[in-house]
Amino acid sequence: MSYSTWEGIADTPWWVYLIMLGFLNIGYLVTKPRFIFVKAELFTQTLAMAILIIGISYIFKFTWHNTGIIFGSMLAGFMLGWMQFYFGDIRAVKGKWIVHIPGSWVVFILMIAIIIAKYYFYGHRFFISLEELKQEKYYPTYLTLSGLAIGLFIGRVHYLLRVVRSGPYYEEK
């Protein structure tokens, strides 16, 4: 690491490290198998998607081209979200709105990579201006990312509801 990286680490406020530790703790908790309540998860995810959709409608102009981008990426996101839960071996508890999710190290490793990339490549003062994001040249990128996020949500919800209704079911070993 260069001297500027060490300077960036030293100049970072203390509360940023608390936030990073919190994110790393969440990432570590995801490595362990757990049971989640489907209704609570659906409420949380629906609220997040509603905020995203309101933000999209506020920032972007809806033209045929932009609508095509968002719906195309929603379709890709739907397939990716469904396959993620399918190959993730998620199983429902029979007769209840609870699913068993096996642990995964992907989120934990991703969070460590993001923290390292932030300090090593960008420094601690890197931020994105909202006024820059409103430029039309960035529309396709952000519409694609937003559509992927919405599609991932819909695909995961579809798979969760299918699993709760018809299995596969979790069997305690």
Foldseek 3Di string as FASTA:
>chain_A
DDPQLVVLVVPDDPVVVVVLVVQLVVLVVLQAKDKDQQVVVLVVLVVVLVVLVVVCVVQDDDDPVLVVLLQVLLQVLLVVLLVCVVVQPKAAAAPHRMIMGGGDNVSNVVSVVVVCCCSVPPGPPDDDDPVVCSDPVNSSVVSSVSSNSNSSSNNNSVNSVCRHVPTDHDDDD
